[in-house]
């Protein structure tokens, strides 16, 4: 699945939601995608659209200046409309990418693999 968005929205520690780490975006066509993780859990919740979500214990996330790629196991994909990967093409400002990087590091620690060309 591919989503084009103006920007990735992140919060590394949302104190209103029990310090949950969050990455989300809204696609040009209205698509919603999010990754969330609570600090005391070793799972990541993936939400696609308004009504489809699934918790995974393994994923691979790759970030660069204009693309975010999230890959999951085929068994998990069955719960997310069959999508094994989510490619988000974004135009996030360069000065905001460090916070995106930090948030994704928190979300993937001990849950998956994280590869980034952003510092």
PDB file of N, CA and C in Angstrom:
ATOM      1  N   UNK A   1       0.853  -1.176   0.000  1.00  0.00           N
ATOM      2  CA  UNK A   1       0.000   0.000   0.000  1.00  0.00           C
ATOM      3  C   UNK A   1       0.894   1.233   0.000  1.00  0.00           C
ATOM      4  N   UNK A   2       0.554   2.197  -0.820  1.00  0.00           N
ATOM      5  CA  UNK A   2       1.319   3.441  -0.866  1.00  0.00           C
ATOM      6  C   UNK A   2       0.420   4.612  -0.476  1.00  0.00           C
ATOM      7  N   UNK A   3       0.972   5.475   0.362  1.00  0.00           N
ATOM      8  CA  UNK A   3       0.276   6.683   0.803  1.00  0.00           C
ATOM      9  C   UNK A   3       1.194   7.864   0.534  1.00  0.00           C
ATOM     10  N   UNK A   4       0.642   8.924  -0.031  1.00  0.00           N
ATOM     11  CA  UNK A   4       1.392  10.168  -0.214  1.00  0.00           C
ATOM     12  C   UNK A   4       0.855  11.179   0.782  1.00  0.00           C
ATOM     13  N   UNK A   5       1.778  11.813   1.521  1.00  0.00           N
ATOM     14  CA  UNK A   5       1.374  12.753   2.560  1.00  0.00           C
ATOM     15  C   UNK A   5       2.301  13.967   2.573  1.00  0.00           C
ATOM     16  N   UNK A   6       1.785  15.063   3.044  1.00  0.00           N
ATOM     17  CA  UNK A   6       2.601  16.275   3.151  1.00  0.00           C
ATOM     18  C   UNK A   6       3.642  16.138   4.252  1.00  0.00           C
ATOM     19  N   UNK A   7       3.280  15.492   5.359  1.00  0.00           N
ATOM     20  CA  UNK A   7       4.211  15.406   6.487  1.00  0.00           C
ATOM     21  C   UNK A   7       3.870  14.235   7.393  1.00  0.00           C
ATOM     22  N   UNK A   8       4.899  13.706   8.034  1.00  0.00           N
ATOM     23  CA  UNK A   8       4.729  12.712   9.084  1.00  0.00           C
ATOM     24  C   UNK A   8       4.537  13.463  10.394  1.00  0.00           C
ATOM     25  N   UNK A   9       3.571  13.033  11.182  1.00  0.00           N
ATOM     26  CA  UNK A   9       3.279  13.656  12.471  1.00  0.00           C
ATOM     27  C   UNK A   9       3.772  12.704  13.548  1.00  0.00           C
ATOM     28  N   UNK A  10       4.582  13.207  14.479  1.00  0.00           N
ATOM     29  CA  UNK A  10       5.143  12.332  15.509  1.00  0.00           C
ATOM     30  C   UNK A  10       5.032  12.954  16.892  1.00  0.00           C
ATOM     31  N   UNK A  11       5.022  12.065  17.875  1.00  0.00           N
ATOM     32  CA  UNK A  11       5.112  12.451  19.273  1.00  0.00           C
ATOM     33  C   UNK A  11       5.840  11.309  19.969  1.00  0.00           C
ATOM     34  N   UNK A  12       7.044  11.560  20.430  1.00  0.00           N
ATOM     35  CA  UNK A  12       7.861  10.512  21.039  1.00  0.00           C
ATOM     36  C   UNK A  12       7.351  10.077  22.404  1.00  0.00           C
ATOM     37  N   UNK A  13       6.618  10.948  23.080  1.00  0.00           N
ATOM     38  CA  UNK A  13       6.148  10.644  24.438  1.00  0.00           C
ATOM     39  C   UNK A  13       4.916  11.490  24.737  1.00  0.00           C
ATOM     40  N   UNK A  14       3.755  10.997  24.363  1.00  0.00           N
ATOM     41  CA  UNK A  14       2.511  11.747  24.527  1.00  0.00           C
ATOM     42  C   UNK A  14       1.997  11.581  25.954  1.00  0.00           C
ATOM     43  N   UNK A  15       2.189  12.601  26.787  1.00  0.00           N
ATOM     44  CA  UNK A  15       1.793  12.493  28.194  1.00  0.00           C
ATOM     45  C   UNK A  15       0.280  12.438  28.378  1.00  0.00           C
ATOM     46  N   UNK A  16      -0.489  12.819  27.382  1.00  0.00           N
ATOM     47  CA  UNK A  16      -1.946  12.700  27.473  1.00  0.00           C
ATOM     48  C   UNK A  16      -2.406  11.261  27.263  1.00  0.00           C
ATOM     49  N   UNK A  17      -1.562  10.435  26.678  1.00  0.00           N
ATOM     50  CA  UNK A  17      -1.902   9.040  26.388  1.00  0.00           C
ATOM     51  C   UNK A  17      -0.875   8.084  26.980  1.00  0.00           C
ATOM     52  N   UNK A  18      -0.600   8.204  28.267  1.00  0.00           N
ATOM     53  CA  UNK A  18       0.282   7.289  28.992  1.00  0.00           C
ATOM     54  C   UNK A  18       1.663   7.154  28.358  1.00  0.00           C
ATOM     55  N   UNK A  19       2.209   8.272  27.868  1.00  0.00           N
ATOM     56  CA  UNK A  19       3.555   8.328  27.290  1.00  0.00           C
ATOM     57  C   UNK A  19       3.726   7.475  26.030  1.00  0.00           C
ATOM     58  N   UNK A  20       2.653   7.302  25.318  1.00  0.00           N
ATOM     59  CA  UNK A  20       2.661   6.544  24.072  1.00  0.00           C
ATOM     60  C   UNK A  20       3.511   7.260  23.015  1.00  0.00           C
ATOM     61  N   UNK A  21       4.296   6.481  22.267  1.00  0.00           N
ATOM     62  CA  UNK A  21       5.019   7.012  21.113  1.00  0.00           C
ATOM     63  C   UNK A  21       4.116   6.849  19.892  1.00  0.00           C
ATOM     64  N   UNK A  22       4.064   7.881  19.051  1.00  0.00           N
ATOM     65  CA  UNK A  22       3.124   7.899  17.933  1.00  0.00           C
ATOM     66  C   UNK A  22       3.764   8.456  16.675  1.00  0.00           C
ATOM     67  N   UNK A  23       3.512   7.785  15.561  1.00  0.00           N
ATOM     68  CA  UNK A  23       3.788   8.327  14.238  1.00  0.00           C
ATOM     69  C   UNK A  23       2.505   8.152  13.445  1.00  0.00           C
ATOM     70  N   UNK A  24       2.059   9.209  12.780  1.00  0.00           N
ATOM     71  CA  UNK A  24       0.873   9.077  11.938  1.00  0.00           C
ATOM     72  C   UNK A  24       0.961  10.008  10.748  1.00  0.00           C
ATOM     73  N   UNK A  25       0.095   9.747   9.794  1.00  0.00           N
ATOM     74  CA  UNK A  25      -0.010  10.618   8.630  1.00  0.00           C
ATOM     75  C   UNK A  25      -1.385  10.454   8.017  1.00  0.00           C
ATOM     76  N   UNK A  26      -1.775  11.475   7.297  1.00  0.00           N
ATOM     77  CA  UNK A  26      -3.024  11.459   6.539  1.00  0.00           C
ATOM     78  C   UNK A  26      -2.652  11.615   5.078  1.00  0.00           C
ATOM     79  N   UNK A  27      -3.044  10.651   4.274  1.00  0.00           N
ATOM     80  CA  UNK A  27      -2.730  10.690   2.860  1.00  0.00           C
ATOM     81  C   UNK A  27      -3.546  11.719   2.114  1.00  0.00           C
ATOM     82  N   UNK A  28      -3.077  12.034   0.924  1.00  0.00           N
ATOM     83  CA  UNK A  28      -3.769  13.006   0.082  1.00  0.00           C
ATOM     84  C   UNK A  28      -5.198  12.570  -0.220  1.00  0.00           C
ATOM     85  N   UNK A  29      -5.440  11.272  -0.249  1.00  0.00           N
ATOM     86  CA  UNK A  29      -6.775  10.748  -0.514  1.00  0.00           C
ATOM     87  C   UNK A  29      -7.586  10.501   0.743  1.00  0.00           C
ATOM     88  N   UNK A  30      -7.092  10.983   1.891  1.00  0.00           N
ATOM     89  CA  UNK A  30      -7.798  10.804   3.145  1.00  0.00           C
ATOM     90  C   UNK A  30      -7.389   9.572   3.927  1.00  0.00           C
ATOM     91  N   UNK A  31      -6.449   8.779   3.397  1.00  0.00           N
ATOM     92  CA  UNK A  31      -5.988   7.583   4.096  1.00  0.00           C
ATOM     93  C   UNK A  31      -5.304   7.955   5.404  1.00  0.00           C
ATOM     94  N   UNK A  32      -5.557   7.165   6.445  1.00  0.00           N
ATOM     95  CA  UNK A  32      -4.891   7.336   7.732  1.00  0.00           C
ATOM     96  C   UNK A  32      -3.958   6.159   7.941  1.00  0.00           C
ATOM     97  N   UNK A  33      -2.754   6.434   8.446  1.00  0.00           N
ATOM     98  CA  UNK A  33      -1.812   5.390   8.817  1.00  0.00           C
ATOM     99  C   UNK A  33      -1.156   5.815  10.112  1.00  0.00           C
ATOM    100  N   UNK A  34      -1.028   4.874  11.058  1.00  0.00           N
ATOM    101  CA  UNK A  34      -0.317   5.215  12.292  1.00  0.00           C
ATOM    102  C   UNK A  34       0.400   4.005  12.872  1.00  0.00           C
ATOM    103  N   UNK A  35       1.474   4.304  13.591  1.00  0.00           N
ATOM    104  CA  UNK A  35       2.212   3.348  14.412  1.00  0.00           C
ATOM    105  C   UNK A  35       2.181   3.892  15.825  1.00  0.00           C
ATOM    106  N   UNK A  36       1.792   3.064  16.794  1.00  0.00           N
ATOM    107  CA  UNK A  36       1.787   3.504  18.188  1.00  0.00           C
ATOM    108  C   UNK A  36       2.390   2.422  19.073  1.00  0.00           C
ATOM    109  N   UNK A  37       3.022   2.885  20.154  1.00  0.00           N
ATOM    110  CA  UNK A  37       3.592   1.952  21.118  1.00  0.00           C
ATOM    111  C   UNK A  37       3.613   2.599  22.495  1.00  0.00           C
ATOM    112  N   UNK A  38       3.146   1.838  23.475  1.00  0.00           N
ATOM    113  CA  UNK A  38       3.228   2.281  24.859  1.00  0.00           C
ATOM    114  C   UNK A  38       4.561   1.816  25.438  1.00  0.00           C
ATOM    115  N   UNK A  39       5.158   2.580  26.358  1.00  0.00           N
ATOM    116  CA  UNK A  39       6.506   2.268  26.848  1.00  0.00           C
ATOM    117  C   UNK A  39       6.625   0.924  27.560  1.00  0.00           C
ATOM    118  N   UNK A  40       5.545   0.417  28.127  1.00  0.00           N
ATOM    119  CA  UNK A  40       5.610  -0.844  28.866  1.00  0.00           C
ATOM    120  C   UNK A  40       5.208  -2.051  28.018  1.00  0.00           C
ATOM    121  N   UNK A  41       5.064  -1.874  26.716  1.00  0.00           N
ATOM    122  CA  UNK A  41       4.648  -2.962  25.835  1.00  0.00           C
ATOM    123  C   UNK A  41       5.724  -3.271  24.803  1.00  0.00           C
ATOM    124  N   UNK A  42       5.786  -4.521  24.399  1.00  0.00           N
ATOM    125  CA  UNK A  42       6.721  -4.948  23.363  1.00  0.00           C
ATOM    126  C   UNK A  42       5.986  -5.267  22.073  1.00  0.00           C
ATOM    127  N   UNK A  43       4.981  -4.472  21.786  1.00  0.00           N
ATOM    128  CA  UNK A  43       4.209  -4.606  20.560  1.00  0.00           C
ATOM    129  C   UNK A  43       3.921  -3.219  20.003  1.00  0.00           C
ATOM    130  N   UNK A  44       3.704  -3.171  18.709  1.00  0.00           N
ATOM    131  CA  UNK A  44       3.374  -1.930  18.021  1.00  0.00           C
ATOM    132  C   UNK A  44       2.004  -2.104  17.383  1.00  0.00           C
ATOM    133  N   UNK A  45       1.144  -1.117  17.566  1.00  0.00           N
ATOM    134  CA  UNK A  45      -0.155  -1.163  16.908  1.00  0.00           C
ATOM    135  C   UNK A  45      -0.069  -0.390  15.598  1.00  0.00           C
ATOM    136  N   UNK A  46      -0.502  -1.036  14.537  1.00  0.00           N
ATOM    137  CA  UNK A  46      -0.576  -0.407  13.219  1.00  0.00           C
ATOM    138  C   UNK A  46      -2.042  -0.158  12.925  1.00  0.00           C
ATOM    139  N   UNK A  47      -2.371   1.065  12.550  1.00  0.00           N
ATOM    140  CA  UNK A  47      -3.740   1.415  12.180  1.00  0.00           C
ATOM    141  C   UNK A  47      -3.747   1.897  10.740  1.00  0.00           C
ATOM    142  N   UNK A  48      -4.679   1.360   9.976  1.00  0.00           N
ATOM    143  CA  UNK A  48      -4.856   1.742   8.579  1.00  0.00           C
ATOM    144  C   UNK A  48      -6.316   2.134   8.406  1.00  0.00           C
ATOM    145  N   UNK A  49      -6.549   3.354   7.970  1.00  0.00           N
ATOM    146  CA  UNK A  49      -7.927   3.819   7.861  1.00  0.00           C
ATOM    147  C   UNK A  49      -8.504   4.073   9.241  1.00  0.00           C
ATOM    148  N   UNK A  50      -9.792   4.234   9.304  1.00  0.00           N
ATOM    149  CA  UNK A  50     -10.437   4.531  10.577  1.00  0.00           C
ATOM    150  C   UNK A  50     -10.836   3.298  11.362  1.00  0.00           C
ATOM    151  N   UNK A  51     -10.833   2.130  10.724  1.00  0.00           N
ATOM    152  CA  UNK A  51     -11.409   0.975  11.391  1.00  0.00           C
ATOM    153  C   UNK A  51     -10.557  -0.287  11.392  1.00  0.00           C
ATOM    154  N   UNK A  52      -9.349  -0.233  10.878  1.00  0.00           N
ATOM    155  CA  UNK A  52      -8.518  -1.427  10.806  1.00  0.00           C
ATOM    156  C   UNK A  52      -7.233  -1.210  11.585  1.00  0.00           C
ATOM    157  N   UNK A  53      -7.039  -2.031  12.623  1.00  0.00           N
ATOM    158  CA  UNK A  53      -5.789  -1.958  13.378  1.00  0.00           C
ATOM    159  C   UNK A  53      -5.379  -3.365  13.785  1.00  0.00           C
ATOM    160  N   UNK A  54      -4.097  -3.525  14.008  1.00  0.00           N
ATOM    161  CA  UNK A  54      -3.554  -4.823  14.395  1.00  0.00           C
ATOM    162  C   UNK A  54      -2.261  -4.580  15.163  1.00  0.00           C
ATOM    163  N   UNK A  55      -2.030  -5.382  16.173  1.00  0.00           N
ATOM    164  CA  UNK A  55      -0.824  -5.278  16.983  1.00  0.00           C
ATOM    165  C   UNK A  55       0.191  -6.304  16.500  1.00  0.00           C
ATOM    166  N   UNK A  56       1.422  -5.850  16.266  1.00  0.00           N
ATOM    167  CA  UNK A  56       2.481  -6.737  15.787  1.00  0.00           C
ATOM    168  C   UNK A  56       3.638  -6.741  16.781  1.00  0.00           C
ATOM    169  N   UNK A  57       4.364  -7.855  16.801  1.00  0.00           N
ATOM    170  CA  UNK A  57       5.523  -7.947  17.687  1.00  0.00           C
ATOM    171  C   UNK A  57       6.827  -7.959  16.903  1.00  0.00           C
ATOM    172  N   UNK A  58       6.720  -7.799  15.584  1.00  0.00           N
ATOM    173  CA  UNK A  58       7.907  -7.746  14.739  1.00  0.00           C
ATOM    174  C   UNK A  58       7.583  -6.944  13.482  1.00  0.00           C
ATOM    175  N   UNK A  59       8.480  -6.027  13.140  1.00  0.00           N
ATOM    176  CA  UNK A  59       8.330  -5.240  11.923  1.00  0.00           C
ATOM    177  C   UNK A  59       9.675  -4.659  11.533  1.00  0.00           C
ATOM    178  N   UNK A  60       9.761  -4.213  10.292  1.00  0.00           N
ATOM    179  CA  UNK A  60      10.958  -3.526   9.811  1.00  0.00           C
ATOM    180  C   UNK A  60      10.523  -2.162   9.314  1.00  0.00           C
ATOM    181  N   UNK A  61      11.240  -1.128   9.759  1.00  0.00           N
ATOM    182  CA  UNK A  61      10.922   0.244   9.386  1.00  0.00           C
ATOM    183  C   UNK A  61      12.169   0.872   8.772  1.00  0.00           C
ATOM    184  N   UNK A  62      12.003   1.466   7.598  1.00  0.00           N
ATOM    185  CA  UNK A  62      13.100   2.131   6.902  1.00  0.00           C
ATOM    186  C   UNK A  62      12.689   3.573   6.629  1.00  0.00           C
ATOM    187  N   UNK A  63      13.535   4.512   7.045  1.00  0.00           N
ATOM    188  CA  UNK A  63      13.237   5.932   6.883  1.00  0.00           C
ATOM    189  C   UNK A  63      14.323   6.618   6.073  1.00  0.00           C
ATOM    190  N   UNK A  64      13.894   7.430   5.110  1.00  0.00           N
ATOM    191  CA  UNK A  64      14.817   8.366   4.481  1.00  0.00           C
ATOM    192  C   UNK A  64      14.107   9.703   4.333  1.00  0.00           C
ATOM    193  N   UNK A  65      14.744  10.644   3.706  1.00  0.00           N
ATOM    194  CA  UNK A  65      14.247  12.020   3.686  1.00  0.00           C
ATOM    195  C   UNK A  65      12.884  12.186   3.018  1.00  0.00           C
ATOM    196  N   UNK A  66      12.493  11.244   2.166  1.00  0.00           N
ATOM    197  CA  UNK A  66      11.214  11.386   1.466  1.00  0.00           C
ATOM    198  C   UNK A  66      10.352  10.135   1.487  1.00  0.00           C
ATOM    199  N   UNK A  67      10.796   9.108   2.211  1.00  0.00           N
ATOM    200  CA  UNK A  67      10.076   7.835   2.181  1.00  0.00           C
ATOM    201  C   UNK A  67      10.173   7.124   3.520  1.00  0.00           C
ATOM    202  N   UNK A  68       9.055   6.559   3.939  1.00  0.00           N
ATOM    203  CA  UNK A  68       8.993   5.686   5.104  1.00  0.00           C
ATOM    204  C   UNK A  68       8.424   4.365   4.621  1.00  0.00           C
ATOM    205  N   UNK A  69       9.108   3.268   4.908  1.00  0.00           N
ATOM    206  CA  UNK A  69       8.646   1.946   4.512  1.00  0.00           C
ATOM    207  C   UNK A  69       8.486   1.097   5.763  1.00  0.00           C
ATOM    208  N   UNK A  70       7.289   0.549   5.954  1.00  0.00           N
ATOM    209  CA  UNK A  70       6.997  -0.330   7.081  1.00  0.00           C
ATOM    210  C   UNK A  70       6.657  -1.698   6.506  1.00  0.00           C
ATOM    211  N   UNK A  71       7.396  -2.726   6.939  1.00  0.00           N
ATOM    212  CA  UNK A  71       7.184  -4.084   6.445  1.00  0.00           C
ATOM    213  C   UNK A  71       6.813  -4.990   7.612  1.00  0.00           C
ATOM    214  N   UNK A  72       5.814  -5.854   7.376  1.00  0.00           N
ATOM    215  CA  UNK A  72       5.351  -6.759   8.423  1.00  0.00           C
ATOM    216  C   UNK A  72       5.267  -8.183   7.885  1.00  0.00           C
ATOM    217  N   UNK A  73       5.138  -9.138   8.794  1.00  0.00           N
ATOM    218  CA  UNK A  73       5.028 -10.544   8.423  1.00  0.00           C
ATOM    219  C   UNK A  73       3.717 -10.803   7.686  1.00  0.00           C
ATOM    220  N   UNK A  74       3.712 -11.776   6.765  1.00  0.00           N
ATOM    221  CA  UNK A  74       2.483 -12.105   6.039  1.00  0.00           C
ATOM    222  C   UNK A  74       1.309 -12.467   6.950  1.00  0.00           C
ATOM    223  N   UNK A  75       1.579 -13.145   8.061  1.00  0.00           N
ATOM    224  CA  UNK A  75       0.488 -13.506   8.976  1.00  0.00           C
ATOM    225  C   UNK A  75      -0.168 -12.265   9.567  1.00  0.00           C
ATOM    226  N   UNK A  76       0.629 -11.255   9.872  1.00  0.00           N
ATOM    227  CA  UNK A  76       0.073  -9.996  10.378  1.00  0.00           C
ATOM    228  C   UNK A  76      -0.640  -9.231   9.270  1.00  0.00           C
ATOM    229  N   UNK A  77      -0.121  -9.336   8.056  1.00  0.00           N
ATOM    230  CA  UNK A  77      -0.719  -8.618   6.925  1.00  0.00           C
ATOM    231  C   UNK A  77      -2.159  -9.050   6.682  1.00  0.00           C
ATOM    232  N   UNK A  78      -2.460 -10.301   6.958  1.00  0.00           N
ATOM    233  CA  UNK A  78      -3.825 -10.793   6.760  1.00  0.00           C
ATOM    234  C   UNK A  78      -4.830  -9.988   7.574  1.00  0.00           C
ATOM    235  N   UNK A  79      -4.392  -9.446   8.710  1.00  0.00           N
ATOM    236  CA  UNK A  79      -5.267  -8.644   9.566  1.00  0.00           C
ATOM    237  C   UNK A  79      -5.341  -7.184   9.120  1.00  0.00           C
ATOM    238  N   UNK A  80      -4.481  -6.808   8.186  1.00  0.00           N
ATOM    239  CA  UNK A  80      -4.417  -5.420   7.709  1.00  0.00           C
ATOM    240  C   UNK A  80      -4.680  -5.361   6.204  1.00  0.00           C
ATOM    241  N   UNK A  81      -5.774  -5.955   5.820  1.00  0.00           N
ATOM    242  CA  UNK A  81      -6.231  -5.941   4.419  1.00  0.00           C
ATOM    243  C   UNK A  81      -5.218  -6.556   3.458  1.00  0.00           C
ATOM    244  N   UNK A  82      -4.364  -7.452   3.977  1.00  0.00           N
ATOM    245  CA  UNK A  82      -3.410  -8.171   3.142  1.00  0.00           C
ATOM    246  C   UNK A  82      -2.131  -7.433   2.809  1.00  0.00           C
ATOM    247  N   UNK A  83      -1.957  -6.241   3.324  1.00  0.00           N
ATOM    248  CA  UNK A  83      -0.767  -5.444   2.999  1.00  0.00           C
ATOM    249  C   UNK A  83       0.427  -5.866   3.858  1.00  0.00           C
ATOM    250  N   UNK A  84       1.500  -6.303   3.200  1.00  0.00           N
ATOM    251  CA  UNK A  84       2.728  -6.667   3.900  1.00  0.00           C
ATOM    252  C   UNK A  84       3.669  -5.489   4.040  1.00  0.00           C
ATOM    253  N   UNK A  85       3.438  -4.450   3.266  1.00  0.00           N
ATOM    254  CA  UNK A  85       4.260  -3.250   3.397  1.00  0.00           C
ATOM    255  C   UNK A  85       3.422  -2.009   3.158  1.00  0.00           C
ATOM    256  N   UNK A  86       3.845  -0.966   3.844  1.00  0.00           N
ATOM    257  CA  UNK A  86       3.203   0.340   3.743  1.00  0.00           C
ATOM    258  C   UNK A  86       4.296   1.330   3.376  1.00  0.00           C
ATOM    259  N   UNK A  87       4.173   1.914   2.208  1.00  0.00           N
ATOM    260  CA  UNK A  87       5.154   2.879   1.735  1.00  0.00           C
ATOM    261  C   UNK A  87       4.525   4.260   1.830  1.00  0.00           C
ATOM    262  N   UNK A  88       5.128   5.103   2.655  1.00  0.00           N
ATOM    263  CA  UNK A  88       4.620   6.461   2.833  1.00  0.00           C
ATOM    264  C   UNK A  88       5.612   7.413   2.173  1.00  0.00           C
ATOM    265  N   UNK A  89       5.161   8.085   1.135  1.00  0.00           N
ATOM    266  CA  UNK A  89       5.961   9.098   0.457  1.00  0.00           C
ATOM    267  C   UNK A  89       5.612  10.420   1.130  1.00  0.00           C
ATOM    268  N   UNK A  90       6.609  11.076   1.718  1.00  0.00           N
ATOM    269  CA  UNK A  90       6.328  12.265   2.523  1.00  0.00           C
ATOM    270  C   UNK A  90       7.210  13.441   2.117  1.00  0.00           C
ATOM    271  N   UNK A  91       6.777  14.613   2.537  1.00  0.00           N
ATOM    272  CA  UNK A  91       7.533  15.854   2.310  1.00  0.00           C
ATOM    273  C   UNK A  91       7.821  16.538   3.640  1.00  0.00           C
ATOM    274  N   UNK A  92       8.111  15.744   4.654  1.00  0.00           N
ATOM    275  CA  UNK A  92       8.385  16.275   5.981  1.00  0.00           C
ATOM    276  C   UNK A  92       9.580  17.221   5.925  1.00  0.00           C
ATOM    277  N   UNK A  93       9.471  18.369   6.592  1.00  0.00           N
ATOM    278  CA  UNK A  93      10.565  19.340   6.628  1.00  0.00           C
ATOM    279  C   UNK A  93      11.822  18.697   7.199  1.00  0.00           C
ATOM    280  N   UNK A  94      12.953  19.029   6.616  1.00  0.00           N
ATOM    281  CA  UNK A  94      14.230  18.461   7.039  1.00  0.00           C
ATOM    282  C   UNK A  94      14.498  18.681   8.522  1.00  0.00           C
ATOM    283  N   UNK A  95      14.108  19.839   9.055  1.00  0.00           N
ATOM    284  CA  UNK A  95      14.365  20.117  10.471  1.00  0.00           C
ATOM    285  C   UNK A  95      13.448  19.320  11.400  1.00  0.00           C
ATOM    286  N   UNK A  96      12.431  18.663  10.876  1.00  0.00           N
ATOM    287  CA  UNK A  96      11.539  17.829  11.685  1.00  0.00           C
ATOM    288  C   UNK A  96      11.896  16.345  11.603  1.00  0.00           C
ATOM    289  N   UNK A  97      12.780  15.988  10.676  1.00  0.00           N
ATOM    290  CA  UNK A  97      13.119  14.581  10.494  1.00  0.00           C
ATOM    291  C   UNK A  97      13.855  13.983  11.686  1.00  0.00           C
ATOM    292  N   UNK A  98      14.600  14.780  12.425  1.00  0.00           N
ATOM    293  CA  UNK A  98      15.292  14.262  13.610  1.00  0.00           C
ATOM    294  C   UNK A  98      14.287  13.754  14.638  1.00  0.00           C
ATOM    295  N   UNK A  99      13.177  14.449  14.797  1.00  0.00           N
ATOM    296  CA  UNK A  99      12.140  14.005  15.737  1.00  0.00           C
ATOM    297  C   UNK A  99      11.428  12.758  15.208  1.00  0.00           C
ATOM    298  N   UNK A 100      11.240  12.671  13.910  1.00  0.00           N
ATOM    299  CA  UNK A 100      10.673  11.457  13.310  1.00  0.00           C
ATOM    300  C   UNK A 100      11.609  10.284  13.588  1.00  0.00           C
ATOM    301  N   UNK A 101      12.895  10.484  13.366  1.00  0.00           N
ATOM    302  CA  UNK A 101      13.907   9.453  13.622  1.00  0.00           C
ATOM    303  C   UNK A 101      13.869   9.009  15.086  1.00  0.00           C
ATOM    304  N   UNK A 102      13.853   9.953  15.996  1.00  0.00           N
ATOM    305  CA  UNK A 102      13.837   9.634  17.432  1.00  0.00           C
ATOM    306  C   UNK A 102      12.588   8.836  17.797  1.00  0.00           C
ATOM    307  N   UNK A 103      11.449   9.237  17.279  1.00  0.00           N
ATOM    308  CA  UNK A 103      10.193   8.554  17.583  1.00  0.00           C
ATOM    309  C   UNK A 103      10.191   7.134  17.022  1.00  0.00           C
ATOM    310  N   UNK A 104      10.649   6.963  15.796  1.00  0.00           N
ATOM    311  CA  UNK A 104      10.694   5.621  15.212  1.00  0.00           C
ATOM    312  C   UNK A 104      11.668   4.719  15.954  1.00  0.00           C
ATOM    313  N   UNK A 105      12.751   5.273  16.444  1.00  0.00           N
ATOM    314  CA  UNK A 105      13.691   4.487  17.251  1.00  0.00           C
ATOM    315  C   UNK A 105      12.991   3.968  18.508  1.00  0.00           C
ATOM    316  N   UNK A 106      12.218   4.810  19.160  1.00  0.00           N
ATOM    317  CA  UNK A 106      11.469   4.400  20.356  1.00  0.00           C
ATOM    318  C   UNK A 106      10.446   3.328  19.999  1.00  0.00           C
ATOM    319  N   UNK A 107       9.720   3.531  18.924  1.00  0.00           N
ATOM    320  CA  UNK A 107       8.671   2.588  18.528  1.00  0.00           C
ATOM    321  C   UNK A 107       9.244   1.211  18.198  1.00  0.00           C
ATOM    322  N   UNK A 108      10.403   1.150  17.571  1.00  0.00           N
ATOM    323  CA  UNK A 108      10.940  -0.137  17.103  1.00  0.00           C
ATOM    324  C   UNK A 108      11.908  -0.825  18.059  1.00  0.00           C
ATOM    325  N   UNK A 109      12.365  -0.163  19.100  1.00  0.00           N
ATOM    326  CA  UNK A 109      13.327  -0.779  20.013  1.00  0.00           C
ATOM    327  C   UNK A 109      12.767  -2.080  20.588  1.00  0.00           C
ATOM    328  N   UNK A 110      13.513  -3.175  20.420  1.00  0.00           N
ATOM    329  CA  UNK A 110      13.156  -4.514  20.897  1.00  0.00           C
ATOM    330  C   UNK A 110      11.886  -5.075  20.264  1.00  0.00           C
ATOM    331  N   UNK A 111      11.403  -4.450  19.210  1.00  0.00           N
ATOM    332  CA  UNK A 111      10.201  -4.939  18.533  1.00  0.00           C
ATOM    333  C   UNK A 111      10.485  -5.221  17.061  1.00  0.00           C
ATOM    334  N   UNK A 112      11.460  -4.559  16.517  1.00  0.00           N
ATOM    335  CA  UNK A 112      11.721  -4.749  15.099  1.00  0.00           C
ATOM    336  C   UNK A 112      13.056  -4.189  14.698  1.00  0.00           C
ATOM    337  N   UNK A 113      13.218  -4.099  13.410  1.00  0.00           N
ATOM    338  CA  UNK A 113      14.448  -3.565  12.832  1.00  0.00           C
ATOM    339  C   UNK A 113      14.162  -2.154  12.334  1.00  0.00           C
ATOM    340  N   UNK A 114      15.093  -1.245  12.609  1.00  0.00           N
ATOM    341  CA  UNK A 114      14.935   0.134  12.168  1.00  0.00           C
ATOM    342  C   UNK A 114      16.176   0.544  11.400  1.00  0.00           C
ATOM    343  N   UNK A 115      15.978   1.012  10.172  1.00  0.00           N
ATOM    344  CA  UNK A 115      17.063   1.468   9.313  1.00  0.00           C
ATOM    345  C   UNK A 115      16.753   2.900   8.925  1.00  0.00           C
ATOM    346  N   UNK A 116      17.733   3.791   9.097  1.00  0.00           N
ATOM    347  CA  UNK A 116      17.487   5.194   8.788  1.00  0.00           C
ATOM    348  C   UNK A 116      18.697   5.833   8.132  1.00  0.00           C
ATOM    349  N   UNK A 117      18.425   6.655   7.132  1.00  0.00           N
ATOM    350  CA  UNK A 117      19.480   7.483   6.553  1.00  0.00           C
ATOM    351  C   UNK A 117      19.371   8.905   7.088  1.00  0.00           C
ATOM    352  N   UNK A 118      18.498   9.088   8.082  1.00  0.00           N
ATOM    353  CA  UNK A 118      18.279  10.384   8.731  1.00  0.00           C
ATOM    354  C   UNK A 118      18.903  10.323  10.112  1.00  0.00           C
ATOM    355  N   UNK A 119      19.617  11.364  10.501  1.00  0.00           N
ATOM    356  CA  UNK A 119      20.221  11.383  11.848  1.00  0.00           C
ATOM    357  C   UNK A 119      19.360  12.130  12.817  1.00  0.00           C
TER     358      UNK A 119
END
